Protein backbone atom coordinates (compact mmCIF):
# COMPACT_ATOMS: atom_id res chain seq x y z
CA MET A 1 0.00 0.00 0.00
CA LYS A 2 1.25 3.49 -0.90
CA ALA A 3 0.50 6.12 1.72
CA LEU A 4 1.01 9.85 1.37
CA VAL A 5 1.27 12.08 4.46
CA VAL A 6 0.82 15.77 3.66
CA PHE A 7 0.99 18.48 6.30
CA HIS A 8 1.18 22.20 6.94
CA SER A 9 3.03 23.15 10.13
CA LYS A 10 3.71 26.57 11.57
CA ASN A 11 5.62 25.70 14.75
CA GLY A 12 6.66 22.09 14.09
CA THR A 13 3.96 20.29 16.07
CA THR A 14 1.98 19.16 13.02
CA GLN A 15 5.21 18.15 11.28
CA LYS A 16 6.06 16.04 14.33
CA MET A 17 2.68 14.32 14.13
CA ALA A 18 3.16 13.71 10.40
CA GLY A 19 6.49 12.06 11.22
CA GLU A 20 4.88 9.82 13.83
CA ILE A 21 2.13 8.84 11.37
CA SER A 22 4.68 7.98 8.68
CA ASN A 23 6.81 5.93 11.12
CA LEU A 24 3.79 3.88 12.19
CA LEU A 25 2.76 3.36 8.59
CA ARG A 26 6.22 2.04 7.75
CA LYS A 27 6.06 -0.32 10.74
CA ASN A 28 2.87 -1.67 9.17
CA ASN A 29 4.66 -2.28 5.85
CA ALA A 30 3.26 0.69 3.95
CA GLU A 31 5.32 2.51 1.36
CA VAL A 32 5.26 6.10 2.63
CA LYS A 33 5.99 9.53 1.25
CA VAL A 34 5.74 12.48 3.63
CA GLY A 35 6.02 16.18 2.87
CA ASN A 36 4.68 19.63 3.51
CA LEU A 37 2.18 21.29 1.19
CA ASN A 38 4.94 22.87 -0.91
CA GLU A 39 6.79 19.58 -1.53
CA ILE A 40 3.88 17.41 -2.67
CA LYS A 41 2.86 17.19 -6.31
CA VAL A 42 -0.53 16.29 -7.75
CA SER A 43 1.02 13.10 -9.14
CA ASP A 44 1.95 12.06 -5.56
CA VAL A 45 -1.70 12.29 -4.57
CA GLU A 46 -2.89 10.47 -7.69
CA THR A 47 -0.53 7.52 -7.19
CA SER A 48 -1.20 7.04 -3.47
CA ASP A 49 -3.69 4.50 -2.13
CA LEU A 50 -4.21 6.31 1.14
CA LEU A 51 -3.93 10.03 1.94
CA TYR A 52 -3.23 11.56 5.36
CA LEU A 53 -3.83 15.29 5.24
CA GLY A 54 -3.18 17.62 8.16
CA CYS A 55 -2.60 21.10 9.47
CA ARG A 56 -2.78 22.95 12.74
CA THR A 57 -6.06 24.25 14.10
CA SER A 58 -6.55 27.97 13.72
CA GLY A 59 -9.37 30.09 15.08
CA LYS A 60 -10.47 31.20 18.50
CA PHE A 61 -11.37 28.89 21.34
CA ILE A 62 -13.85 26.12 20.43
CA PHE A 63 -15.89 28.02 17.86
CA GLY A 64 -14.74 28.96 14.40
CA GLN A 65 -11.88 26.47 14.20
CA LYS A 66 -10.71 26.13 10.62
CA PRO A 67 -7.74 25.05 8.53
CA GLU A 68 -5.26 27.69 7.46
CA LYS A 69 -5.57 29.35 4.05
CA SER A 70 -2.52 27.56 2.60
CA TRP A 71 -4.12 24.18 3.45
CA ILE A 72 -7.42 25.26 1.88
CA ASP A 73 -5.62 26.43 -1.28
CA PHE A 74 -3.75 23.11 -1.49
CA VAL A 75 -6.99 21.12 -1.21
CA LYS A 76 -8.73 23.30 -3.79
CA ASN A 77 -5.97 22.38 -6.27
CA LEU A 78 -6.20 18.62 -5.65
CA PRO A 79 -7.55 16.50 -8.49
CA GLU A 80 -11.02 15.08 -8.19
CA THR A 81 -10.87 11.45 -7.25
CA GLY A 82 -12.95 8.31 -7.07
CA LYS A 83 -13.30 7.99 -3.31
CA LYS A 84 -9.61 7.98 -2.31
CA LYS A 85 -9.38 6.91 1.34
CA THR A 86 -8.36 9.95 3.39
CA VAL A 87 -7.55 10.50 7.06
CA LEU A 88 -7.52 14.06 8.36
CA PHE A 89 -5.26 15.13 11.22
CA THR A 90 -4.74 18.30 13.21
CA THR A 91 -2.81 19.67 16.14
CA TYR A 92 -4.30 22.16 18.56
CA LYS A 93 -3.65 24.20 21.70
CA ILE A 94 -7.08 24.30 23.39
CA ALA A 95 -9.60 22.27 21.37
CA THR A 96 -10.34 21.20 17.81
CA GLY A 97 -13.93 22.45 17.89
CA SER A 98 -15.36 22.44 14.35
CA MET A 99 -11.97 21.81 12.70
CA PHE A 100 -12.72 18.41 11.16
CA ARG A 101 -16.14 19.49 9.90
CA ASN A 102 -14.49 22.48 8.20
CA MET A 103 -11.70 20.33 6.73
CA LYS A 104 -14.28 17.91 5.30
CA LYS A 105 -16.14 20.84 3.74
CA TYR A 106 -13.19 21.32 1.39
CA ILE A 107 -12.01 17.75 0.74
CA GLN A 108 -15.22 15.73 0.38
CA PRO A 109 -16.71 17.63 -2.60
CA LYS A 110 -13.62 16.57 -4.60
CA GLY A 111 -14.48 12.89 -4.07
CA TYR A 112 -12.15 12.06 -1.18
CA LYS A 113 -13.62 9.59 1.29
CA VAL A 114 -12.75 10.68 4.83
CA ILE A 115 -12.49 7.48 6.86
CA GLY A 116 -11.17 8.98 10.09
CA SER A 117 -9.59 11.88 11.88
CA MET A 118 -6.72 12.18 14.34
CA LYS A 119 -5.75 14.98 16.69
CA SER A 120 -2.89 15.78 19.00
CA ARG A 121 -2.04 18.58 21.37
CA ASN A 122 1.70 17.87 21.34
CA GLY A 123 2.33 16.15 18.00
CA LYS A 124 2.44 12.67 19.52
CA MET A 125 0.08 9.88 18.57
CA ASN A 126 -2.43 8.90 21.26
CA TYR A 127 -4.42 5.70 21.66
CA TYR A 128 -7.35 6.93 19.56
CA SER A 129 -5.11 8.11 16.72
CA ASN A 130 -3.33 4.74 16.69
CA VAL A 131 -6.69 2.97 16.38
CA ILE A 132 -7.67 5.22 13.44
CA LEU A 133 -4.32 4.59 11.75
CA LYS A 134 -4.69 0.79 12.06
CA TYR A 135 -8.29 1.02 10.80
CA SER A 136 -7.18 3.03 7.78
CA LEU A 137 -4.84 0.24 6.71
CA ASN A 138 -7.70 -2.27 6.31
């Protein structure tokens, strides 16, 4: 299985989580490519079997959480797809609030099938995120 981990990180926390995701994928025998929004090409997305797409949570408190503009622009330029399995991930300081709902608003209309979401306050994988990662490999 070919997995692609794409992230946008401002302070390094989301990049750290992307690294943990890619390490766990490799331990589960996936072929992995990881990179920030500027490093990934459309062809990388098209040739992957599984897409992990993340950024930090921006917005105030619990309400109005949304992905950053650079993440939104990246998603808007993605090719339409036939239900590519996608896992969303985010890092946050206080709470994720409506973050995943807002991420889905941009990715699902392009045909990406969101099969799970993962979050972390410190960039480390927690029990729930590990479960989602293992589920995504089935």
